[in-house]
Amino acid sequence: MTLDLASIIGLIGSAMMVGAFAYSNMAKTINFLLFNLLNLFGALLLIASLTVHFNIASMALEIVWAIIALFGLVKVFRGKAS
């Protein structure tokens, strides 16, 4: 098995999202800016990867994940996240 660029990009995105999840479970207090940025960029990298290696279920999940992260960032910038 060889890794192409799209797969490497997807793996980096996955690592960012897993890192955000681990961070949210280990941190005493969560920096919501960092948490949502990791999730947003992770989802966007996975979306980019999925444009090459398409899977409808994964694409739908990543689009929703990115939208939720965007809503979280809006809350952060409006000062409503702790």
N, C-alpha and C. Protein backbone atom coordinates (compact mmCIF):
# COMPACT_ATOMS: atom_id res chain seq x y z
N MET A 1 0.84 -1.19 0.00
CA MET A 1 0.00 0.00 0.00
C MET A 1 0.88 1.24 0.00
N THR A 2 0.56 2.17 -0.88
CA THR A 2 1.28 3.44 -0.92
C THR A 2 0.32 4.55 -0.53
N LEU A 3 0.87 5.56 0.08
CA LEU A 3 0.07 6.71 0.48
C LEU A 3 0.22 7.81 -0.56
N ASP A 4 -0.89 8.27 -1.11
CA ASP A 4 -0.84 9.41 -2.00
C ASP A 4 -1.07 10.68 -1.19
N LEU A 5 -0.94 11.83 -1.84
CA LEU A 5 -1.06 13.11 -1.15
C LEU A 5 -2.43 13.26 -0.49
N ALA A 6 -3.50 12.86 -1.16
CA ALA A 6 -4.84 12.98 -0.59
C ALA A 6 -4.96 12.16 0.69
N SER A 7 -4.38 10.98 0.72
CA SER A 7 -4.44 10.16 1.93
C SER A 7 -3.63 10.77 3.07
N ILE A 8 -2.49 11.33 2.75
CA ILE A 8 -1.67 11.99 3.77
C ILE A 8 -2.41 13.19 4.34
N ILE A 9 -3.04 13.98 3.49
CA ILE A 9 -3.83 15.13 3.95
C ILE A 9 -4.97 14.66 4.86
N GLY A 10 -5.64 13.60 4.47
CA GLY A 10 -6.72 13.04 5.29
C GLY A 10 -6.23 12.55 6.63
N LEU A 11 -5.07 11.91 6.65
CA LEU A 11 -4.50 11.43 7.91
C LEU A 11 -4.13 12.59 8.83
N ILE A 12 -3.62 13.67 8.27
CA ILE A 12 -3.31 14.85 9.09
C ILE A 12 -4.60 15.43 9.66
N GLY A 13 -5.64 15.51 8.84
CA GLY A 13 -6.93 16.00 9.33
C GLY A 13 -7.48 15.11 10.42
N SER A 14 -7.39 13.81 10.25
CA SER A 14 -7.85 12.88 11.28
C SER A 14 -7.08 13.07 12.57
N ALA A 15 -5.76 13.23 12.46
CA ALA A 15 -4.93 13.43 13.65
C ALA A 15 -5.32 14.71 14.38
N MET A 16 -5.64 15.76 13.63
CA MET A 16 -6.06 17.01 14.26
C MET A 16 -7.36 16.81 15.04
N MET A 17 -8.30 16.09 14.45
CA MET A 17 -9.58 15.90 15.11
C MET A 17 -9.46 14.97 16.32
N VAL A 18 -8.66 13.93 16.20
CA VAL A 18 -8.42 13.04 17.35
C VAL A 18 -7.69 13.80 18.45
N GLY A 19 -6.75 14.64 18.05
CA GLY A 19 -6.04 15.48 19.03
C GLY A 19 -6.99 16.41 19.76
N ALA A 20 -7.93 17.01 19.04
CA ALA A 20 -8.91 17.89 19.66
C ALA A 20 -9.78 17.11 20.64
N PHE A 21 -10.18 15.90 20.27
CA PHE A 21 -11.00 15.07 21.13
C PHE A 21 -10.23 14.69 22.39
N ALA A 22 -8.99 14.27 22.23
CA ALA A 22 -8.16 13.91 23.38
C ALA A 22 -7.97 15.13 24.29
N TYR A 23 -7.68 16.28 23.70
CA TYR A 23 -7.51 17.51 24.45
C TYR A 23 -8.75 17.83 25.27
N SER A 24 -9.94 17.70 24.66
CA SER A 24 -11.18 18.03 25.36
C SER A 24 -11.44 17.10 26.53
N ASN A 25 -10.87 15.91 26.49
CA ASN A 25 -11.07 14.95 27.57
C ASN A 25 -9.98 15.00 28.63
N MET A 26 -8.86 15.64 28.33
CA MET A 26 -7.74 15.67 29.28
C MET A 26 -7.51 17.04 29.91
N ALA A 27 -7.95 18.09 29.24
CA ALA A 27 -7.69 19.44 29.75
C ALA A 27 -8.61 19.75 30.93
N LYS A 28 -8.08 20.49 31.89
CA LYS A 28 -8.91 20.92 33.02
C LYS A 28 -9.90 21.98 32.57
N THR A 29 -9.46 22.87 31.73
CA THR A 29 -10.34 23.86 31.10
C THR A 29 -10.03 23.85 29.61
N ILE A 30 -11.06 24.02 28.81
CA ILE A 30 -10.91 23.93 27.36
C ILE A 30 -10.78 25.32 26.75
N ASN A 31 -9.79 25.47 25.91
CA ASN A 31 -9.67 26.66 25.08
C ASN A 31 -10.53 26.38 23.85
N PHE A 32 -11.73 26.97 23.80
CA PHE A 32 -12.67 26.66 22.73
C PHE A 32 -12.21 27.16 21.37
N LEU A 33 -11.38 28.19 21.35
CA LEU A 33 -10.82 28.64 20.08
C LEU A 33 -9.93 27.54 19.50
N LEU A 34 -9.01 27.03 20.29
CA LEU A 34 -8.12 25.96 19.84
C LEU A 34 -8.91 24.71 19.46
N PHE A 35 -9.85 24.32 20.33
CA PHE A 35 -10.65 23.11 20.10
C PHE A 35 -11.41 23.19 18.78
N ASN A 36 -12.08 24.30 18.53
CA ASN A 36 -12.87 24.43 17.31
C ASN A 36 -12.01 24.64 16.07
N LEU A 37 -10.87 25.31 16.20
CA LEU A 37 -9.97 25.45 15.05
C LEU A 37 -9.40 24.09 14.64
N LEU A 38 -9.00 23.29 15.62
CA LEU A 38 -8.49 21.95 15.29
C LEU A 38 -9.56 21.13 14.59
N ASN A 39 -10.79 21.19 15.09
CA ASN A 39 -11.88 20.44 14.47
C ASN A 39 -12.21 20.96 13.08
N LEU A 40 -12.24 22.28 12.91
CA LEU A 40 -12.55 22.86 11.61
C LEU A 40 -11.49 22.50 10.58
N PHE A 41 -10.22 22.74 10.90
CA PHE A 41 -9.17 22.45 9.93
C PHE A 41 -9.02 20.96 9.68
N GLY A 42 -9.23 20.16 10.72
CA GLY A 42 -9.22 18.72 10.53
C GLY A 42 -10.30 18.27 9.57
N ALA A 43 -11.51 18.79 9.77
CA ALA A 43 -12.63 18.45 8.88
C ALA A 43 -12.37 18.93 7.46
N LEU A 44 -11.82 20.12 7.31
CA LEU A 44 -11.54 20.65 5.97
C LEU A 44 -10.48 19.81 5.25
N LEU A 45 -9.48 19.36 5.99
CA LEU A 45 -8.47 18.50 5.37
C LEU A 45 -9.07 17.16 4.96
N LEU A 46 -9.94 16.63 5.79
CA LEU A 46 -10.60 15.38 5.43
C LEU A 46 -11.53 15.57 4.23
N ILE A 47 -12.22 16.69 4.16
CA ILE A 47 -13.07 16.99 3.00
C ILE A 47 -12.21 17.04 1.74
N ALA A 48 -11.06 17.69 1.83
CA ALA A 48 -10.15 17.75 0.68
C ALA A 48 -9.73 16.35 0.26
N SER A 49 -9.40 15.51 1.22
CA SER A 49 -9.02 14.13 0.92
C SER A 49 -10.18 13.36 0.29
N LEU A 50 -11.38 13.61 0.78
CA LEU A 50 -12.55 12.90 0.28
C LEU A 50 -12.94 13.33 -1.14
N THR A 51 -12.45 14.46 -1.60
CA THR A 51 -12.73 14.84 -2.99
C THR A 51 -11.97 13.92 -3.95
N VAL A 52 -10.91 13.28 -3.46
CA VAL A 52 -10.15 12.33 -4.27
C VAL A 52 -10.63 10.90 -4.03
N HIS A 53 -10.80 10.56 -2.75
CA HIS A 53 -11.24 9.22 -2.35
C HIS A 53 -12.65 9.35 -1.76
N PHE A 54 -13.63 9.53 -2.61
CA PHE A 54 -14.98 9.90 -2.18
C PHE A 54 -15.70 8.78 -1.44
N ASN A 55 -16.38 9.20 -0.37
CA ASN A 55 -17.27 8.34 0.41
C ASN A 55 -18.39 9.24 0.91
N ILE A 56 -19.61 9.01 0.51
CA ILE A 56 -20.71 9.91 0.82
C ILE A 56 -20.95 10.04 2.32
N ALA A 57 -20.88 8.94 3.06
CA ALA A 57 -21.13 9.00 4.50
C ALA A 57 -20.05 9.84 5.20
N SER A 58 -18.80 9.63 4.84
CA SER A 58 -17.71 10.40 5.43
C SER A 58 -17.79 11.86 5.04
N MET A 59 -18.14 12.14 3.78
CA MET A 59 -18.25 13.52 3.33
C MET A 59 -19.35 14.25 4.11
N ALA A 60 -20.50 13.60 4.28
CA ALA A 60 -21.60 14.20 5.03
C ALA A 60 -21.17 14.49 6.47
N LEU A 61 -20.50 13.54 7.09
CA LEU A 61 -20.03 13.71 8.46
C LEU A 61 -19.08 14.89 8.56
N GLU A 62 -18.13 14.99 7.66
CA GLU A 62 -17.14 16.06 7.73
C GLU A 62 -17.75 17.43 7.46
N ILE A 63 -18.72 17.51 6.58
CA ILE A 63 -19.39 18.78 6.33
C ILE A 63 -20.13 19.24 7.58
N VAL A 64 -20.86 18.32 8.22
CA VAL A 64 -21.57 18.66 9.45
C VAL A 64 -20.58 19.03 10.55
N TRP A 65 -19.48 18.28 10.65
CA TRP A 65 -18.45 18.54 11.66
C TRP A 65 -17.88 19.95 11.47
N ALA A 66 -17.60 20.33 10.24
CA ALA A 66 -17.06 21.66 9.95
C ALA A 66 -18.07 22.75 10.30
N ILE A 67 -19.34 22.53 10.01
CA ILE A 67 -20.37 23.51 10.33
C ILE A 67 -20.49 23.69 11.84
N ILE A 68 -20.46 22.60 12.59
CA ILE A 68 -20.52 22.70 14.05
C ILE A 68 -19.31 23.46 14.59
N ALA A 69 -18.13 23.18 14.05
CA ALA A 69 -16.93 23.90 14.48
C ALA A 69 -17.04 25.38 14.16
N LEU A 70 -17.62 25.72 13.01
CA LEU A 70 -17.83 27.13 12.67
C LEU A 70 -18.77 27.80 13.66
N PHE A 71 -19.85 27.13 14.03
CA PHE A 71 -20.75 27.68 15.05
C PHE A 71 -20.01 27.89 16.37
N GLY A 72 -19.16 26.94 16.73
CA GLY A 72 -18.36 27.09 17.95
C GLY A 72 -17.43 28.29 17.88
N LEU A 73 -16.83 28.51 16.71
CA LEU A 73 -15.95 29.67 16.55
C LEU A 73 -16.73 30.98 16.62
N VAL A 74 -17.92 30.99 16.07
CA VAL A 74 -18.76 32.19 16.16
C VAL A 74 -19.04 32.50 17.63
N LYS A 75 -19.35 31.49 18.42
CA LYS A 75 -19.58 31.68 19.86
C LYS A 75 -18.35 32.24 20.53
N VAL A 76 -17.18 31.71 20.18
CA VAL A 76 -15.93 32.20 20.78
C VAL A 76 -15.74 33.67 20.46
N PHE A 77 -15.91 34.04 19.20
CA PHE A 77 -15.66 35.42 18.79
C PHE A 77 -16.73 36.39 19.28
N ARG A 78 -17.90 35.88 19.61
CA ARG A 78 -18.93 36.72 20.22
C ARG A 78 -18.79 36.78 21.73
N GLY A 79 -17.84 36.04 22.27
CA GLY A 79 -17.59 36.06 23.70
C GLY A 79 -18.54 35.23 24.52
N LYS A 80 -19.20 34.25 23.90
CA LYS A 80 -20.20 33.45 24.61
C LYS A 80 -19.66 32.09 25.01
N ALA A 81 -18.45 31.77 24.66
CA ALA A 81 -17.86 30.49 25.07
C ALA A 81 -16.97 30.74 26.27
N SER A 82 -16.92 29.80 27.16
CA SER A 82 -16.08 29.98 28.35
C SER A 82 -14.69 29.46 28.13
